[in-house]
Amino acid sequence: MKIYLVVPLLAIISIFVVSATPRVTIKNGTLEGSVLQSRKGRDFLAFRGIPYARPPIGELRFQAPEPATSWTGVRSAKTDGSVCVQRNYDNPNLRSTGSEDCLFINVYTPQLPRRNKRHASNNYAVMVWSHGGGVDGSSHSLLYGPKFLLDHDIVLVTMNYRLGPLGLLSTADSVIPGNAGLKDHVQALRWVQENIGAFGGDPAKVTIFGESFGASNVHLLTLSPLARGLFHQVISQSGTAINQWPYHTAKSARENAHRLARELNCSTDTSQDLLQCLRTKDAGDVMMQPSDWPIFNGGPDLPFRAVIEFSNPGAFLTDEPGKLMERGEFADVAWLNGVNANEGALAAGALYASPNQTNVRRLNNEFTELAPLANGLDRDCSTSLLDDITRRMRQFYFGDRQIDDSTRMNVVDMISDSVFKFASATAVKLHRQSAKSPVYFYQFAYRGTLSYSAFSDPSRDYGVSHADELLYLFPVHEVLFPTGAMSQRDLQMIDVMTTLWTNFARFGKPVPCVSSILPAQWKSVKTDALEMFSIESPTSMKMVKDVFKDMINLWSSFRCRAGLSRTANLV
């Protein structure tokens, strides 16, 4: 008789736990969240739109973030906060979208701590996501939702940060030191340290991870004295601090700040004049950079980037990233870093999708003039040196062949190597030289049913594009490819990628033991052969080495490289 009473009682308790509105109290007040479900049907708790800093408006525009203020009562955390101000690509009638009041964080957890009189259990490893984009993007749950990763025992944190000039404008002095968007990351990590225990997360086991611009963000955090001790592991997907886009000189930062000010009819007589005027301008107007400034995600000419700050206790970046890495002045933490097989697919696709392939013919006929621009070579180099470099580049990638449709993948390889792979490989070498902690290197080589390359040219197969791995970590396809369906192999790849990434967060190793999902061991890099884990399909993955040897030899001989040319001996 007692057995029959226990079963329905347990069912009632289970229903109550699932359907009850979850509440959690943090330093700033009490939050009310919601119950969501993972891809495989697991219930988890979501707390969205949590302020981690004061709104960066008025006197706080362009400045370092300040901690969020407290609230009274119960704050609803059932929906995302506003995205940060950015260009509006979806509605041609609106120049910009979003709000300056955007410094919000989302937290997803399997369950809240089970508290008793003695202790609270805070056992889950924490993964903090930095989205890509640079001048656009957000961590909104519609795009970077939790339902893939929350099939695993981790706490996921996603954050917004200030973008473009609102996040990275600098006058290269004490008036607007710069790096505000990167300091947003630091403040978010401080928030995690103070509050994540209330969600069941372990503040001593925090992994920061990001893709593209977000990958360079998290790698820059390893170089920043402000972020020391706030995280314990890093995952960089297709981006590092020494790629072409993350950093520029104080001179360049000042010039771009002045140029933007002039566009908005602001005085540049002094930095204070510039600041006071720009603070009066609509945030959307500040974000609308001059039309002839490139806005391609991660392009070599991205006008607002990280900058070395003048010496002060609040400086985020104190020297060039390459030099800091050379000297070993970075957080000695385990690092998982890698690239996709055909990173240049997006850019090459746009090239080949031009009407009548006009731009392809131009690249073929004007290679000496256009190749340095397309591949991020330093314009300060002498003409004779650039001519020699472009000659060797053309021979390496094309030999005596024309640049046309038959050499499409050669163009992809050239852009992949110059913009992504060389910097990634170089960063791994530099990390290994100084760090005691392991570095794990990968190449994602699985082309699934869907690919980001469709956004530039849906008519051709360009291989495994930049950002394609995101399809297997987050449900981005639901928004970006609403009519596209994933195959069974794609669904298997979700299991593979989320297991690798969460294993690293939980255990410090992406493959702590071989299993049916992960049939091969992933070893850390031990030599300059750059031992690398090649992820080729849901059932095929293996260790390889010296894959990038010839490419590294070529690009390391080019000293006219933006972002790398000012570093003495990178390889």
Protein backbone atom coordinates (compact mmCIF):
# COMPACT_ATOMS: atom_id res chain seq x y z
CA MET A 1 0.00 0.00 0.00
CA LYS A 2 2.77 2.44 0.87
CA ILE A 3 4.49 1.78 -2.48
CA TYR A 4 1.38 2.86 -4.38
CA LEU A 5 1.28 6.12 -2.41
CA VAL A 6 4.96 6.93 -3.01
CA VAL A 7 4.81 6.72 -6.82
CA PRO A 8 2.11 9.39 -7.36
CA LEU A 9 3.72 11.57 -4.69
CA LEU A 10 7.02 11.54 -6.60
CA ALA A 11 5.16 12.37 -9.79
CA ILE A 12 3.51 15.36 -8.11
CA ILE A 13 6.86 16.60 -6.79
CA SER A 14 8.42 16.21 -10.25
CA ILE A 15 5.61 18.17 -11.89
CA PHE A 16 5.95 20.90 -9.28
CA VAL A 17 9.71 21.23 -9.84
CA VAL A 18 9.33 21.44 -13.62
CA SER A 19 6.35 23.79 -13.69
CA ALA A 20 7.26 26.04 -10.78
CA THR A 21 8.66 29.45 -11.68
CA PRO A 22 12.32 29.37 -10.61
CA ARG A 23 13.70 32.19 -8.50
CA VAL A 24 17.25 32.99 -7.53
CA THR A 25 18.71 35.72 -5.36
CA ILE A 26 22.00 37.31 -6.39
CA LYS A 27 23.99 40.28 -5.11
CA ASN A 28 21.69 42.83 -6.79
CA GLY A 29 18.31 41.27 -5.98
CA THR A 30 15.94 38.44 -6.77
CA LEU A 31 15.32 37.13 -10.30
CA GLU A 32 12.42 35.11 -11.66
CA GLY A 33 13.29 32.88 -14.59
CA SER A 34 11.67 30.18 -16.68
CA VAL A 35 11.95 26.47 -17.44
CA LEU A 36 13.12 25.50 -20.94
CA GLN A 37 13.93 22.22 -22.63
CA SER A 38 17.11 21.04 -24.33
CA ARG A 39 17.34 19.36 -27.73
CA LYS A 40 17.07 15.93 -26.14
CA GLY A 41 14.21 16.86 -23.83
CA ARG A 42 16.09 17.77 -20.67
CA ASP A 43 14.52 20.50 -18.53
CA PHE A 44 16.78 23.38 -17.50
CA LEU A 45 16.40 26.85 -16.01
CA ALA A 46 16.83 30.11 -17.89
CA PHE A 47 17.43 33.57 -16.45
CA ARG A 48 17.66 36.17 -19.20
CA GLY A 49 18.11 39.92 -19.47
CA ILE A 50 20.11 40.28 -16.24
CA PRO A 51 21.97 43.61 -16.03
CA TYR A 52 25.66 43.09 -15.29
CA ALA A 53 26.59 46.77 -15.55
CA ARG A 54 24.94 50.17 -15.39
CA PRO A 55 23.53 51.42 -18.71
CA PRO A 56 26.51 53.02 -20.55
CA ILE A 57 24.61 56.19 -21.43
CA GLY A 58 25.20 59.89 -20.89
CA GLU A 59 28.45 60.43 -19.03
CA LEU A 60 29.21 56.70 -19.24
CA ARG A 61 29.24 56.59 -23.05
CA PHE A 62 32.72 55.48 -24.25
CA GLN A 63 33.80 54.84 -20.65
CA ALA A 64 34.59 51.65 -18.74
CA PRO A 65 31.48 49.88 -17.40
CA GLU A 66 30.32 50.33 -13.84
CA PRO A 67 28.69 47.54 -11.80
CA ALA A 68 24.93 47.17 -12.04
CA THR A 69 22.77 48.72 -9.34
CA SER A 70 20.43 46.74 -7.12
CA TRP A 71 16.66 46.50 -7.43
CA THR A 72 13.84 45.86 -4.99
CA GLY A 73 11.24 43.17 -5.32
CA VAL A 74 11.44 40.39 -7.90
CA ARG A 75 12.85 41.22 -11.34
CA SER A 76 11.54 39.23 -14.30
CA ALA A 77 14.33 37.38 -16.11
CA LYS A 78 12.14 35.58 -18.63
CA THR A 79 13.15 37.48 -21.77
CA ASP A 80 16.37 38.74 -23.33
CA GLY A 81 17.53 42.29 -22.75
CA SER A 82 17.99 44.69 -25.64
CA VAL A 83 20.76 44.09 -28.14
CA CYS A 84 23.46 46.76 -28.34
CA VAL A 85 23.16 49.53 -30.93
CA GLN A 86 24.19 48.33 -34.39
CA ARG A 87 23.44 48.72 -38.06
CA ASN A 88 20.07 47.39 -39.16
CA TYR A 89 20.62 45.07 -42.10
CA ASP A 90 17.08 43.65 -42.08
CA ASN A 91 15.00 46.80 -42.42
CA PRO A 92 16.21 49.34 -45.01
CA ASN A 93 13.93 51.98 -43.47
CA LEU A 94 15.80 51.85 -40.16
CA ARG A 95 19.45 52.87 -40.07
CA SER A 96 20.16 51.22 -36.75
CA THR A 97 18.61 48.92 -34.19
CA GLY A 98 19.16 48.14 -30.53
CA SER A 99 19.77 50.27 -27.46
CA GLU A 100 22.71 51.69 -25.55
CA ASP A 101 21.14 50.15 -22.46
CA CYS A 102 22.26 46.69 -23.52
CA LEU A 103 24.73 45.30 -21.01
CA PHE A 104 22.73 42.20 -20.16
CA ILE A 105 23.67 38.63 -19.45
CA ASN A 106 21.76 35.35 -19.82
CA VAL A 107 22.34 32.37 -17.54
CA TYR A 108 21.19 28.81 -18.26
CA THR A 109 21.65 26.09 -15.67
CA PRO A 110 20.61 22.43 -15.29
CA GLN A 111 19.36 23.21 -11.80
CA LEU A 112 19.79 25.59 -8.91
CA PRO A 113 21.92 24.54 -5.92
CA ARG A 114 20.36 22.10 -3.51
CA ARG A 115 20.73 23.93 -0.24
CA ASN A 116 20.74 22.47 3.24
CA LYS A 117 21.91 23.73 6.58
CA ARG A 118 25.54 22.84 5.94
CA HIS A 119 26.35 23.90 2.40
CA ALA A 120 25.20 24.77 -1.10
CA SER A 121 26.36 22.64 -4.00
CA ASN A 122 27.99 24.66 -6.81
CA ASN A 123 29.34 21.96 -9.03
CA TYR A 124 28.77 22.92 -12.66
CA ALA A 125 31.55 24.15 -14.89
CA VAL A 126 30.71 27.55 -16.39
CA MET A 127 31.01 28.51 -20.07
CA VAL A 128 30.88 32.25 -20.91
CA TRP A 129 30.17 33.06 -24.57
CA SER A 130 31.43 36.09 -26.55
CA HIS A 131 29.60 36.44 -29.86
CA GLY A 132 31.29 37.49 -33.09
CA GLY A 133 30.53 40.46 -35.29
CA GLY A 134 32.50 43.45 -34.01
CA VAL A 135 30.11 46.01 -35.47
CA ASP A 136 26.98 43.92 -35.11
CA GLY A 137 25.59 40.86 -33.37
CA SER A 138 24.40 39.90 -29.90
CA SER A 139 24.04 36.90 -27.63
CA HIS A 140 20.25 36.87 -27.97
CA SER A 141 18.75 33.48 -27.23
CA LEU A 142 17.10 33.33 -30.66
CA LEU A 143 20.57 32.93 -32.16
CA TYR A 144 22.84 31.69 -29.39
CA GLY A 145 20.28 29.66 -27.52
CA PRO A 146 21.22 27.01 -24.95
CA LYS A 147 19.35 23.92 -26.05
CA PHE A 148 22.35 22.10 -27.61
CA LEU A 149 24.87 22.78 -24.85
CA LEU A 150 22.41 22.27 -21.99
CA ASP A 151 22.15 18.60 -22.88
CA HIS A 152 25.38 18.56 -20.85
CA ASP A 153 26.17 19.37 -17.23
CA ILE A 154 27.41 22.94 -17.58
CA VAL A 155 26.15 26.43 -16.81
CA LEU A 156 26.04 28.58 -19.95
CA VAL A 157 26.42 32.37 -19.76
CA THR A 158 25.94 34.58 -22.81
CA MET A 159 26.57 38.32 -22.81
CA ASN A 160 26.08 41.48 -24.84
CA TYR A 161 28.90 43.98 -25.16
CA ARG A 162 29.23 47.39 -26.80
CA LEU A 163 30.03 47.27 -30.51
CA GLY A 164 31.83 49.35 -33.12
CA PRO A 165 32.68 52.94 -32.11
CA LEU A 166 30.49 52.80 -28.98
CA GLY A 167 32.61 49.88 -27.80
CA LEU A 168 36.05 50.57 -29.25
CA LEU A 169 36.45 54.25 -30.13
CA SER A 170 39.60 55.76 -28.63
CA THR A 171 41.32 59.13 -28.62
CA ALA A 172 44.46 57.35 -27.40
CA ASP A 173 44.60 59.39 -24.22
CA SER A 174 42.90 59.58 -20.82
CA VAL A 175 39.74 61.17 -22.25
CA ILE A 176 38.61 58.11 -24.20
CA PRO A 177 41.20 55.41 -23.46
CA GLY A 178 39.33 52.86 -25.57
CA ASN A 179 38.55 49.15 -25.24
CA ALA A 180 35.18 49.82 -23.56
CA GLY A 181 33.60 46.75 -25.17
CA LEU A 182 36.46 44.57 -23.96
CA LYS A 183 36.11 46.05 -20.49
CA ASP A 184 32.46 45.02 -20.70
CA HIS A 185 33.77 41.45 -20.93
CA VAL A 186 35.84 41.99 -17.78
CA GLN A 187 32.84 43.35 -15.91
CA ALA A 188 30.73 40.39 -17.07
CA LEU A 189 33.38 38.00 -15.76
CA ARG A 190 33.46 39.86 -12.44
CA TRP A 191 29.69 39.45 -12.30
CA VAL A 192 30.13 35.73 -12.92
CA GLN A 193 32.63 35.44 -10.08
CA GLU A 194 30.26 37.22 -7.69
CA ASN A 195 26.99 35.58 -8.68
CA ILE A 196 27.33 32.34 -10.61
CA GLY A 197 27.34 30.22 -7.45
CA ALA A 198 23.69 31.14 -6.92
CA PHE A 199 22.90 29.41 -10.22
CA GLY A 200 24.83 26.25 -9.36
CA GLY A 201 27.97 27.28 -11.25
CA ASP A 202 31.52 26.90 -9.99
CA PRO A 203 33.33 30.27 -10.04
CA ALA A 204 36.64 28.39 -9.94
CA LYS A 205 35.88 26.58 -13.21
CA VAL A 206 35.07 29.26 -15.80
CA THR A 207 35.78 28.77 -19.51
CA ILE A 208 35.47 31.76 -21.84
CA PHE A 209 34.76 30.96 -25.48
CA GLY A 210 33.98 32.85 -28.64
CA GLU A 211 33.96 32.76 -32.43
CA SER A 212 35.58 35.11 -34.98
CA PHE A 213 35.59 38.58 -33.38
CA GLY A 214 34.41 36.90 -30.19
CA ALA A 215 37.36 34.50 -30.40
CA SER A 216 39.79 37.40 -30.59
CA ASN A 217 37.95 39.00 -27.66
CA VAL A 218 38.47 36.00 -25.40
CA HIS A 219 42.09 35.62 -26.49
CA LEU A 220 42.70 39.31 -25.77
CA LEU A 221 41.33 38.67 -22.29
CA THR A 222 44.25 36.29 -21.71
CA LEU A 223 46.60 39.22 -22.39
CA SER A 224 44.82 41.73 -20.15
CA PRO A 225 45.91 42.39 -16.57
CA LEU A 226 42.30 43.39 -15.79
CA ALA A 227 41.04 39.86 -16.42
CA ARG A 228 43.59 37.90 -14.38
CA GLY A 229 41.96 35.24 -12.24
CA LEU A 230 38.48 35.77 -13.68
CA PHE A 231 38.57 32.67 -15.92
CA HIS A 232 40.44 29.39 -16.03
CA GLN A 233 40.25 28.06 -19.62
CA VAL A 234 39.75 29.51 -23.11
CA ILE A 235 38.24 28.33 -26.40
CA SER A 236 38.98 30.43 -29.51
CA GLN A 237 37.07 29.50 -32.66
CA SER A 238 38.54 31.08 -35.82
CA GLY A 239 40.20 34.06 -34.21
CA THR A 240 43.08 35.12 -31.96
CA ALA A 241 44.55 38.33 -30.60
CA ILE A 242 47.11 38.40 -33.43
CA ASN A 243 44.73 38.08 -36.35
CA GLN A 244 44.41 41.11 -38.61
CA TRP A 245 41.26 42.57 -37.11
CA PRO A 246 41.54 42.74 -33.27
CA TYR A 247 44.13 45.48 -32.79
CA HIS A 248 45.41 48.73 -34.25
CA THR A 249 47.86 51.44 -33.26
CA ALA A 250 47.10 54.47 -31.11
CA LYS A 251 47.76 56.65 -34.16
CA SER A 252 45.18 54.78 -36.22
CA ALA A 253 42.67 54.80 -33.35
CA ARG A 254 43.00 58.57 -32.96
CA GLU A 255 42.67 59.18 -36.69
CA ASN A 256 39.50 57.10 -36.90
CA ALA A 257 38.00 58.83 -33.85
CA HIS A 258 38.67 62.22 -35.44
CA ARG A 259 37.25 61.09 -38.74
CA LEU A 260 34.03 59.92 -37.12
CA ALA A 261 33.79 63.17 -35.17
CA ARG A 262 34.13 65.23 -38.34
CA GLU A 263 31.40 63.16 -40.00
CA LEU A 264 29.12 64.13 -37.11
CA ASN A 265 30.18 67.81 -37.18
CA CYS A 266 32.10 67.61 -33.92
CA SER A 267 35.21 69.60 -33.12
CA THR A 268 38.48 67.70 -32.89
CA ASP A 269 40.47 70.57 -31.39
CA THR A 270 40.82 68.61 -28.16
CA SER A 271 39.81 65.14 -27.08
CA GLN A 272 37.50 66.69 -24.51
CA ASP A 273 35.72 68.68 -27.23
CA LEU A 274 35.32 65.52 -29.27
CA LEU A 275 33.96 63.57 -26.30
CA GLN A 276 31.45 66.19 -25.21
CA CYS A 277 30.11 66.56 -28.73
CA LEU A 278 29.86 62.83 -29.47
CA ARG A 279 27.95 62.34 -26.23
CA THR A 280 25.21 64.62 -27.57
CA LYS A 281 24.77 62.59 -30.75
CA ASP A 282 22.20 59.88 -31.28
CA ALA A 283 23.73 56.46 -30.66
CA GLY A 284 22.50 55.24 -34.03
CA ASP A 285 24.28 58.10 -35.78
CA VAL A 286 27.50 57.29 -33.94
CA MET A 287 27.26 53.69 -35.13
CA MET A 288 26.64 54.69 -38.76
CA GLN A 289 30.26 54.90 -39.84
CA PRO A 290 31.16 56.69 -43.06
CA SER A 291 29.90 54.72 -46.03
CA ASP A 292 33.35 54.11 -47.48
CA TRP A 293 34.61 52.43 -44.30
CA PRO A 294 34.58 48.64 -44.69
CA ILE A 295 32.10 46.87 -42.43
CA PHE A 296 32.85 43.25 -43.39
CA ASN A 297 32.93 41.11 -40.27
CA GLY A 298 36.58 40.83 -39.32
CA GLY A 299 37.86 42.59 -42.41
CA PRO A 300 41.42 43.93 -42.36
CA ASP A 301 40.15 47.52 -42.31
CA LEU A 302 37.67 47.25 -39.45
CA PRO A 303 38.00 50.85 -38.21
CA PHE A 304 37.42 50.36 -34.48
CA ARG A 305 39.50 47.78 -32.65
CA ALA A 306 41.42 47.17 -29.45
CA VAL A 307 44.19 49.66 -28.76
CA ILE A 308 47.16 49.93 -26.41
CA GLU A 309 46.18 52.27 -23.60
CA PHE A 310 48.31 54.86 -21.88
CA SER A 311 49.77 53.64 -18.60
CA ASN A 312 47.02 53.56 -15.98
CA PRO A 313 45.58 51.02 -13.50
CA GLY A 314 42.47 50.56 -15.65
CA ALA A 315 44.28 49.76 -18.90
CA PHE A 316 42.94 46.70 -20.69
CA LEU A 317 45.82 46.27 -23.16
CA THR A 318 49.34 47.41 -22.30
CA ASP A 319 51.34 46.36 -25.40
CA GLU A 320 50.94 44.82 -28.83
CA PRO A 321 49.36 41.35 -28.58
CA GLY A 322 52.19 39.64 -30.46
CA LYS A 323 54.82 41.14 -28.19
CA LEU A 324 52.90 40.18 -25.05
CA MET A 325 52.71 36.61 -26.33
CA GLU A 326 56.41 36.58 -27.19
CA ARG A 327 57.28 37.64 -23.66
CA GLY A 328 54.89 35.13 -22.12
CA GLU A 329 52.80 37.89 -20.54
CA PHE A 330 49.45 36.13 -20.73
CA ALA A 331 47.25 34.00 -18.52
CA ASP A 332 48.77 30.53 -18.32
CA VAL A 333 45.52 28.61 -18.76
CA ALA A 334 44.50 25.66 -20.90
CA TRP A 335 43.59 26.82 -24.40
CA LEU A 336 41.55 25.13 -27.12
CA ASN A 337 42.07 26.95 -30.41
CA GLY A 338 41.31 26.20 -34.03
CA VAL A 339 40.01 27.03 -37.47
CA ASN A 340 37.60 25.74 -40.08
CA ALA A 341 38.97 24.04 -43.17
CA ASN A 342 37.80 26.69 -45.65
CA GLU A 343 37.59 29.89 -43.61
CA GLY A 344 37.83 32.06 -46.71
CA ALA A 345 34.60 30.69 -48.19
CA LEU A 346 32.49 33.69 -47.20
CA ALA A 347 34.84 36.24 -48.75
CA ALA A 348 35.55 34.11 -51.82
CA GLY A 349 31.84 33.49 -52.29
CA ALA A 350 31.17 37.21 -52.39
CA LEU A 351 33.94 37.56 -54.96
CA TYR A 352 32.57 34.86 -57.25
CA ALA A 353 28.97 35.99 -56.83
CA SER A 354 29.75 39.41 -58.34
CA PRO A 355 27.88 40.09 -61.62
CA ASN A 356 29.59 38.23 -64.47
CA GLN A 357 32.42 37.48 -62.00
CA THR A 358 33.79 40.95 -62.65
CA ASN A 359 35.69 40.98 -59.38
CA VAL A 360 37.26 37.60 -60.13
CA ARG A 361 38.61 38.92 -63.41
CA ARG A 362 39.88 42.02 -61.64
CA LEU A 363 41.73 39.89 -59.09
CA ASN A 364 43.29 37.89 -61.90
CA ASN A 365 44.33 40.93 -63.93
CA GLU A 366 45.24 43.25 -61.05
CA PHE A 367 46.60 40.74 -58.56
CA THR A 368 49.62 42.85 -57.60
CA GLU A 369 47.39 45.76 -56.64
CA LEU A 370 44.46 43.88 -55.08
CA ALA A 371 46.07 40.92 -53.30
CA PRO A 372 47.74 43.02 -50.56
CA LEU A 373 44.37 44.59 -49.73
CA ALA A 374 42.51 41.26 -49.75
CA ASN A 375 45.13 39.55 -47.59
CA GLY A 376 45.84 42.21 -45.00
CA LEU A 377 49.35 43.16 -46.05
CA ASP A 378 50.73 46.35 -44.54
CA ARG A 379 50.36 49.32 -46.88
CA ASP A 380 53.41 50.94 -45.28
CA CYS A 381 55.67 48.37 -46.95
CA SER A 382 57.69 49.44 -49.95
CA THR A 383 56.27 48.85 -53.42
CA SER A 384 59.16 46.59 -54.39
CA LEU A 385 58.68 44.42 -51.31
CA LEU A 386 54.93 44.14 -51.87
CA ASP A 387 55.52 43.24 -55.52
CA ASP A 388 57.84 40.41 -54.50
CA ILE A 389 55.38 39.14 -51.90
CA THR A 390 52.43 39.12 -54.29
CA ARG A 391 54.50 37.33 -56.94
CA ARG A 392 55.39 34.57 -54.49
CA MET A 393 51.82 34.44 -53.20
CA ARG A 394 50.41 33.97 -56.69
CA GLN A 395 52.92 31.25 -57.50
CA PHE A 396 52.17 29.38 -54.25
CA TYR A 397 48.38 29.37 -54.64
CA PHE A 398 47.88 29.43 -58.41
CA GLY A 399 51.13 28.52 -60.16
CA ASP A 400 50.71 29.44 -63.82
CA ARG A 401 46.92 29.10 -63.77
CA GLN A 402 44.41 31.89 -64.26
CA ILE A 403 42.19 32.99 -61.40
CA ASP A 404 38.76 31.90 -62.58
CA ASP A 405 36.03 29.44 -61.65
CA SER A 406 38.43 26.50 -61.97
CA THR A 407 40.65 27.95 -59.23
CA ARG A 408 37.82 28.95 -56.90
CA MET A 409 39.07 26.77 -54.04
CA ASN A 410 42.59 28.16 -54.49
CA VAL A 411 41.18 31.61 -53.76
CA VAL A 412 39.44 30.15 -50.71
CA ASP A 413 42.75 28.66 -49.52
CA MET A 414 44.62 31.94 -49.99
CA ILE A 415 42.11 33.93 -47.93
CA SER A 416 41.80 31.15 -45.34
CA ASP A 417 45.55 31.08 -44.78
CA SER A 418 46.21 34.81 -44.77
CA VAL A 419 43.24 35.98 -42.70
CA PHE A 420 42.80 33.05 -40.30
CA LYS A 421 45.09 30.03 -40.35
CA PHE A 422 48.53 31.62 -40.23
CA ALA A 423 47.68 33.77 -37.22
CA SER A 424 46.01 30.86 -35.44
CA ALA A 425 49.01 28.57 -35.97
CA THR A 426 51.42 31.31 -34.94
CA ALA A 427 49.49 32.00 -31.75
CA VAL A 428 49.61 28.30 -30.84
CA LYS A 429 53.38 28.27 -31.31
CA LEU A 430 53.81 31.35 -29.13
CA HIS A 431 51.54 29.97 -26.43
CA ARG A 432 53.42 26.68 -26.34
CA GLN A 433 56.77 28.44 -25.97
CA SER A 434 55.84 30.09 -22.67
CA ALA A 435 52.84 28.34 -21.13
CA LYS A 436 52.88 25.32 -18.87
CA SER A 437 49.19 24.72 -19.49
CA PRO A 438 48.23 22.63 -22.54
CA VAL A 439 47.05 24.02 -25.86
CA TYR A 440 44.72 21.95 -28.03
CA PHE A 441 44.61 22.75 -31.75
CA TYR A 442 41.87 21.71 -34.17
CA GLN A 443 40.60 22.00 -37.73
CA PHE A 444 36.88 21.61 -38.28
CA ALA A 445 36.47 19.93 -41.67
CA TYR A 446 32.87 18.72 -41.70
CA ARG A 447 30.63 20.15 -44.43
CA GLY A 448 27.05 19.53 -43.40
CA THR A 449 23.74 20.16 -45.08
CA LEU A 450 23.87 23.87 -44.22
CA SER A 451 26.73 26.35 -44.55
CA TYR A 452 27.31 30.04 -43.87
CA SER A 453 28.85 30.33 -47.34
CA ALA A 454 25.27 30.38 -48.67
CA PHE A 455 25.03 33.98 -47.49
CA SER A 456 27.62 35.06 -50.05
CA ASP A 457 27.03 32.53 -52.85
CA PRO A 458 24.38 29.82 -52.45
CA SER A 459 25.03 28.41 -55.92
CA ARG A 460 28.43 26.80 -55.22
CA ASP A 461 30.08 24.57 -52.64
CA TYR A 462 33.00 26.38 -51.00
CA GLY A 463 33.74 23.76 -48.37
CA VAL A 464 33.61 24.34 -44.61
CA SER A 465 33.06 28.05 -44.21
CA HIS A 466 33.95 30.49 -41.49
CA ALA A 467 31.35 30.08 -38.69
CA ASP A 468 30.07 26.69 -39.89
CA GLU A 469 30.98 25.04 -36.58
CA LEU A 470 28.39 27.28 -34.87
CA LEU A 471 25.67 25.16 -36.47
CA TYR A 472 26.64 22.33 -34.12
CA LEU A 473 27.05 24.34 -30.90
CA PHE A 474 23.99 26.59 -31.03
CA PRO A 475 20.61 26.32 -32.81
CA VAL A 476 21.54 29.17 -35.17
CA HIS A 477 20.01 27.32 -38.12
CA GLU A 478 16.52 27.93 -36.77
CA VAL A 479 16.92 31.65 -37.46
CA LEU A 480 19.48 31.74 -40.27
CA PHE A 481 18.21 28.74 -42.26
CA PRO A 482 14.52 28.53 -41.33
CA THR A 483 13.65 26.36 -44.34
CA GLY A 484 16.74 24.17 -44.09
CA ALA A 485 16.67 20.83 -42.32
CA MET A 486 19.61 19.15 -40.64
CA SER A 487 20.51 15.61 -41.68
CA GLN A 488 20.99 12.71 -39.29
CA ARG A 489 24.76 13.15 -39.65
CA ASP A 490 24.38 16.83 -38.76
CA LEU A 491 22.53 15.86 -35.60
CA GLN A 492 25.34 13.43 -34.77
CA MET A 493 27.84 16.27 -35.25
CA ILE A 494 25.94 18.32 -32.67
CA ASP A 495 26.60 15.50 -30.20
CA VAL A 496 30.29 15.44 -31.15
CA MET A 497 30.93 19.19 -30.94
CA THR A 498 28.95 19.86 -27.79
CA THR A 499 30.63 16.91 -26.08
CA LEU A 500 34.12 18.10 -27.07
CA TRP A 501 33.48 21.67 -25.93
CA THR A 502 31.76 20.80 -22.66
CA ASN A 503 34.35 18.11 -21.87
CA PHE A 504 37.03 20.77 -22.12
CA ALA A 505 35.06 23.05 -19.80
CA ARG A 506 34.38 20.28 -17.29
CA PHE A 507 37.60 18.25 -17.35
CA GLY A 508 40.25 20.45 -19.00
CA LYS A 509 40.53 17.93 -21.85
CA PRO A 510 38.26 17.72 -24.91
CA VAL A 511 38.60 13.92 -24.97
CA PRO A 512 39.25 12.67 -21.43
CA CYS A 513 38.55 9.15 -22.68
CA VAL A 514 37.70 7.57 -26.02
CA SER A 515 34.02 6.69 -26.45
CA SER A 516 31.45 5.87 -29.11
CA ILE A 517 30.80 9.59 -29.62
CA LEU A 518 34.50 10.53 -29.53
CA PRO A 519 36.36 7.58 -31.11
CA ALA A 520 39.83 9.20 -31.19
CA GLN A 521 42.11 10.73 -28.58
CA TRP A 522 42.86 14.46 -28.85
CA LYS A 523 46.40 15.20 -27.72
CA SER A 524 47.75 18.63 -26.87
CA VAL A 525 50.36 20.35 -29.04
CA LYS A 526 53.85 19.18 -28.09
CA THR A 527 56.08 20.31 -30.99
CA ASP A 528 56.32 22.83 -33.83
CA ALA A 529 54.71 20.19 -36.04
CA LEU A 530 51.50 21.53 -34.46
CA GLU A 531 49.73 18.30 -33.63
CA MET A 532 46.13 18.96 -34.55
CA PHE A 533 42.76 17.25 -34.15
CA SER A 534 40.99 17.00 -37.51
CA ILE A 535 37.20 16.81 -37.13
CA GLU A 536 36.09 15.39 -40.47
CA SER A 537 32.71 13.77 -39.78
CA PRO A 538 30.68 12.51 -36.83
CA THR A 539 32.53 9.19 -37.05
CA SER A 540 35.89 10.31 -38.44
CA MET A 541 38.31 12.39 -36.38
CA LYS A 542 42.04 11.96 -35.98
CA MET A 543 45.34 13.51 -34.94
CA VAL A 544 47.43 14.98 -37.77
CA LYS A 545 50.57 17.11 -37.87
CA ASP A 546 52.50 19.43 -40.17
CA VAL A 547 49.29 20.16 -42.08
CA PHE A 548 50.11 23.87 -42.22
CA LYS A 549 53.88 23.55 -42.66
CA ASP A 550 54.19 24.94 -46.19
CA MET A 551 51.66 27.68 -45.53
CA ILE A 552 53.45 28.75 -42.35
CA ASN A 553 56.80 28.83 -44.15
CA LEU A 554 55.33 31.08 -46.82
CA TRP A 555 53.48 33.56 -44.63
CA SER A 556 56.15 33.73 -41.94
CA SER A 557 58.54 35.00 -44.61
CA PHE A 558 56.25 37.98 -45.29
CA ARG A 559 57.13 40.75 -42.88
CA CYS A 560 54.55 43.14 -44.31
CA ARG A 561 51.59 41.82 -42.39
CA ALA A 562 49.16 44.04 -40.55
CA GLY A 563 49.12 43.07 -36.88
CA LEU A 564 52.18 40.82 -37.16
CA SER A 565 54.81 42.98 -38.86
CA ARG A 566 55.66 44.85 -35.68
CA THR A 567 56.54 41.69 -33.79
CA ALA A 568 60.15 40.59 -33.92
CA ASN A 569 60.15 36.81 -34.13
CA LEU A 570 56.71 35.27 -34.21
CA VAL A 571 57.81 31.95 -35.67
